[in-house]
């Protein structure tokens, strides 16, 4: 007899783990969760400051790469994505930003009922246990722990005093009533440990008999019969398996893999599918389109004193701090290395912040060092400058009809000249900040882009040579009402029944900030949509 479950969830990442956990709260509901990756068992998996080491592990990373990027001198950019329970929430930098309330109100204004800020705020509250406790804007009993990065070696105080002198608002809560201004970083960290959806949602749910989790399960296609999704075909341990759903199939494989799986299933642009030898089942032109990603440029400032996090990366000190973390889960390695975020507008006529500057008291590419053994470290402050609302759009396409082949990805960053203008403005905002006291006295010199790079043309060239992305892809299964939309406001794939997409790929555009927590919110809200439930809108 074929195996049958009420729901099949494809992907155990930032959204999928949430969906599986919430669905199985109903004890009579059976769920199969399929994850192509493995268990999150890296020895430094939960150590916040070790996130780059975890992310660089081939065992836990899809290691995607873009096509040559026309706006970046045809460079190919690496794309780290979590191939593990918890998905990218298990390998990311853990920065906790929800976005601007205008982001979600604009979705509602575009015809997406139920997605206004008042509608989604209750789900943001439900997902978290915030360091402030329960408030009008924050939750006090949710799975995801949120901690403020309040450590003396973050060198936050000079940033705060400089911002105050420049008239930049000091924002005590960028996830509260307003977003703009300078604020300490908040991170999805609890008791000094990474708070991924695997550890907070999935592991407790795996104790329930109505949840089955299979890792190493690579989905080949979703089975469609008479316009309805009925099952999933996947490969595991060399065997081709088929399972069936009584209720619905949920695709939560992320902004790259969700469109890939739809297209492998014959759902997508018909001509492209035929070119790969795939028989179209449902012509849906928007699948894989509308890819939006936050661009990223790193400004680097050498500091005069040997401070910040760099001192703790000296091999002997790092060894002691790692031992301290394993024993007590505190100290420098219990932080994510990020001091602050500054949300600001490139132009005063903008209706919301369109720039995010993320301050780190360490070189973004710092490694362990030791005098006389390794090269001397760069004692510096680095600032990640990001364009929050890019106009450029990319795509995801199939490389072949083989599910094990990586998808083709084109970000097309900076192909719209407005994005370049905004990034240049961001660099100038950053430079202006570091020209003022007291941070001016901390800085010995600008290392990147460098004092010789002054004109707009020179800055543009530096951006095209050096810019990357923030690993915030969205939009490839866009939620909307027009002909290029892939899912409706209920996250149902348009033109089919029994199939929903619940992950970052449904976002119409990138939110104003990091995308992990918004993806968890979508998992929370999507699970309620499946169960026919709804939290009452917030009155704020």
Foldseek 3Di string as FASTA:
>chain_A
DFAEFQEEEEAQALQRLLLLLLQCVPVVHFYEYEAQAEAQDDVCQWFLQCLVVSQPDPRFWPFDWAQQFPLQVGDIFTFTWTRYRHICLRRALFFDDQFWQVQQCVQVVQPQPQRHSLNLQVLLQQAEQEPVDDDLRHHRDHQFYKDFPDDPLQPCVFLVVLCVVVVFDEDDDCSPDHNAGKYWTMGRADQLTRRGSCVRRNVVSVVRPSYHYDYSWQWQEFDDDPQAGFWTWTDHPRDIGIYGHPFFYEYAHDQAVSLVRCLLHQEEQQVQSVVQVHHHPHYQDLFFWQKAFKKKDKWKFFFDDQTHCLVCLAVVNVVVVVVVCVVRSDDPSSHSQWTMKHFADLDPPDPGGQKIKIKGQAPPPDHRHHPPPDPDGRRIIMIIIIGQFDPDIWGWGDPHSDSVDGIHTHGNPCVPVVNLSSRVSRVVVVVVSCCGPDNVNGTPAIDPVGPVQDDSVSVSSSCSPGMDTNSAIEASQAEHDDSSHQAHSLQAGPSHPRYGYQFRHHSNTGGRDHCSSVSSSSSSVNSCSSVVHGDRGRPD
